[in-house]
């Protein structure tokens, strides 16, 4: 996965919030609040993973464009040169 400069800035911004959240989750785990600590760690991981792997703007734009364009199926019965087929 290649990251451009704006992707790196966005990742750094996300990590600014995700790292303290994960750190607090670890402290909660060590304090005995297992469910709350594990939930915080899952949220911190999701903050980093979801934008990087699922919200890729180029993939979303590509799927949007291919969804809007009419599909070409290979079942067209008429020839492309305009002549008629006789069997």
C-alpha atoms as a PDB file:
ATOM      1  CA  UNK A   1       0.000   0.000   0.000  1.00  0.00           C
ATOM      2  CA  UNK A   2       1.562   3.257  -1.145  1.00  0.00           C
ATOM      3  CA  UNK A   3       0.816   6.312   0.951  1.00  0.00           C
ATOM      4  CA  UNK A   4       1.083   9.825  -0.388  1.00  0.00           C
ATOM      5  CA  UNK A   5       1.913  12.875   1.675  1.00  0.00           C
ATOM      6  CA  UNK A   6      -1.736  13.629   2.458  1.00  0.00           C
ATOM      7  CA  UNK A   7      -2.323  10.011   3.453  1.00  0.00           C
ATOM      8  CA  UNK A   8       0.624  10.178   5.830  1.00  0.00           C
ATOM      9  CA  UNK A   9      -0.672  13.406   7.380  1.00  0.00           C
ATOM     10  CA  UNK A  10      -4.105  11.828   7.822  1.00  0.00           C
ATOM     11  CA  UNK A  11      -2.591   8.716   9.387  1.00  0.00           C
ATOM     12  CA  UNK A  12      -0.544  10.840  11.786  1.00  0.00           C
ATOM     13  CA  UNK A  13      -3.666  12.765  12.764  1.00  0.00           C
ATOM     14  CA  UNK A  14      -5.525   9.538  13.420  1.00  0.00           C
ATOM     15  CA  UNK A  15      -2.667   8.108  15.467  1.00  0.00           C
ATOM     16  CA  UNK A  16      -2.636  11.250  17.642  1.00  0.00           C
ATOM     17  CA  UNK A  17      -6.045  10.187  18.940  1.00  0.00           C
ATOM     18  CA  UNK A  18      -5.771   6.393  18.636  1.00  0.00           C
ATOM     19  CA  UNK A  19      -2.542   5.879  20.597  1.00  0.00           C
ATOM     20  CA  UNK A  20      -3.739   7.556  23.844  1.00  0.00           C
ATOM     21  CA  UNK A  21      -7.061   5.723  23.547  1.00  0.00           C
ATOM     22  CA  UNK A  22      -5.272   2.372  23.192  1.00  0.00           C
ATOM     23  CA  UNK A  23      -2.957   3.284  26.072  1.00  0.00           C
ATOM     24  CA  UNK A  24      -5.953   4.050  28.297  1.00  0.00           C
ATOM     25  CA  UNK A  25      -7.526   0.764  27.194  1.00  0.00           C
ATOM     26  CA  UNK A  26      -4.413  -1.135  28.213  1.00  0.00           C
ATOM     27  CA  UNK A  27      -4.434   0.543  31.625  1.00  0.00           C
ATOM     28  CA  UNK A  28      -8.081  -0.392  32.047  1.00  0.00           C
ATOM     29  CA  UNK A  29      -7.251  -3.999  31.171  1.00  0.00           C
ATOM     30  CA  UNK A  30      -4.484  -4.044  33.760  1.00  0.00           C
ATOM     31  CA  UNK A  31      -6.817  -2.462  36.314  1.00  0.00           C
ATOM     32  CA  UNK A  32      -9.288  -5.327  35.920  1.00  0.00           C
ATOM     33  CA  UNK A  33     -11.907  -3.719  33.687  1.00  0.00           C
ATOM     34  CA  UNK A  34     -11.496  -6.234  30.908  1.00  0.00           C
ATOM     35  CA  UNK A  35     -14.580  -5.485  28.815  1.00  0.00           C
ATOM     36  CA  UNK A  36     -14.127  -1.709  28.876  1.00  0.00           C
ATOM     37  CA  UNK A  37     -10.395  -1.940  28.182  1.00  0.00           C
ATOM     38  CA  UNK A  38     -10.844  -4.387  25.311  1.00  0.00           C
ATOM     39  CA  UNK A  39     -13.561  -2.191  23.799  1.00  0.00           C
ATOM     40  CA  UNK A  40     -11.280   0.844  23.911  1.00  0.00           C
ATOM     41  CA  UNK A  41      -8.486  -1.085  22.201  1.00  0.00           C
ATOM     42  CA  UNK A  42     -10.868  -2.296  19.493  1.00  0.00           C
ATOM     43  CA  UNK A  43     -12.051   1.274  18.888  1.00  0.00           C
ATOM     44  CA  UNK A  44      -8.455   2.511  18.668  1.00  0.00           C
ATOM     45  CA  UNK A  45      -7.578  -0.201  16.144  1.00  0.00           C
ATOM     46  CA  UNK A  46     -10.728   0.546  14.140  1.00  0.00           C
ATOM     47  CA  UNK A  47      -9.797   4.234  14.009  1.00  0.00           C
ATOM     48  CA  UNK A  48      -6.640   3.316  12.105  1.00  0.00           C
ATOM     49  CA  UNK A  49      -7.792   0.321  10.068  1.00  0.00           C
ATOM     50  CA  UNK A  50     -11.140   1.535   8.707  1.00  0.00           C
ATOM     51  CA  UNK A  51      -9.878   4.661   6.940  1.00  0.00           C
ATOM     52  CA  UNK A  52      -6.763   2.948   5.591  1.00  0.00           C
ATOM     53  CA  UNK A  53      -8.278  -0.237   4.209  1.00  0.00           C
ATOM     54  CA  UNK A  54     -12.004   0.288   3.750  1.00  0.00           C
ATOM     55  CA  UNK A  55     -12.378   3.977   2.950  1.00  0.00           C
ATOM     56  CA  UNK A  56      -9.851   4.218   0.131  1.00  0.00           C
ATOM     57  CA  UNK A  57     -11.073   7.164  -1.968  1.00  0.00           C
ATOM     58  CA  UNK A  58      -9.803   5.794  -5.284  1.00  0.00           C
ATOM     59  CA  UNK A  59     -11.537   2.457  -4.769  1.00  0.00           C
ATOM     60  CA  UNK A  60     -14.781   4.136  -3.698  1.00  0.00           C
ATOM     61  CA  UNK A  61     -14.685   6.468  -6.728  1.00  0.00           C
ATOM     62  CA  UNK A  62     -13.960   3.547  -9.055  1.00  0.00           C
ATOM     63  CA  UNK A  63     -16.865   1.521  -7.708  1.00  0.00           C
ATOM     64  CA  UNK A  64     -19.149   4.538  -7.961  1.00  0.00           C
ATOM     65  CA  UNK A  65     -18.213   5.171 -11.595  1.00  0.00           C
ATOM     66  CA  UNK A  66     -18.581   1.517 -12.607  1.00  0.00           C
ATOM     67  CA  UNK A  67     -21.930   1.379 -10.823  1.00  0.00           C
ATOM     68  CA  UNK A  68     -23.229   4.396 -12.726  1.00  0.00           C
ATOM     69  CA  UNK A  69     -22.074   3.307 -16.176  1.00  0.00           C
ATOM     70  CA  UNK A  70     -24.206   0.810 -18.070  1.00  0.00           C
ATOM     71  CA  UNK A  71     -22.736  -2.664 -18.116  1.00  0.00           C
ATOM     72  CA  UNK A  72     -21.876  -4.483 -21.306  1.00  0.00           C
ATOM     73  CA  UNK A  73     -22.945  -8.059 -21.315  1.00  0.00           C
ATOM     74  CA  UNK A  74     -21.692 -10.510 -23.919  1.00  0.00           C
ATOM     75  CA  UNK A  75     -25.207 -11.687 -24.759  1.00  0.00           C
ATOM     76  CA  UNK A  76     -25.945  -9.085 -27.439  1.00  0.00           C
ATOM     77  CA  UNK A  77     -27.546 -10.910 -30.364  1.00  0.00           C
ATOM     78  CA  UNK A  78     -27.112  -8.215 -33.001  1.00  0.00           C
ATOM     79  CA  UNK A  79     -23.756  -7.893 -34.767  1.00  0.00           C
ATOM     80  CA  UNK A  80     -21.833  -4.677 -34.245  1.00  0.00           C
ATOM     81  CA  UNK A  81     -21.529  -3.823 -37.978  1.00  0.00           C
ATOM     82  CA  UNK A  82     -25.270  -3.284 -38.408  1.00  0.00           C
ATOM     83  CA  UNK A  83     -25.908  -6.281 -40.691  1.00  0.00           C
ATOM     84  CA  UNK A  84     -28.586  -8.823 -39.913  1.00  0.00           C
ATOM     85  CA  UNK A  85     -27.870 -12.425 -39.072  1.00  0.00           C
ATOM     86  CA  UNK A  86     -29.684 -15.163 -40.887  1.00  0.00           C
ATOM     87  CA  UNK A  87     -29.608 -18.755 -39.806  1.00  0.00           C
END
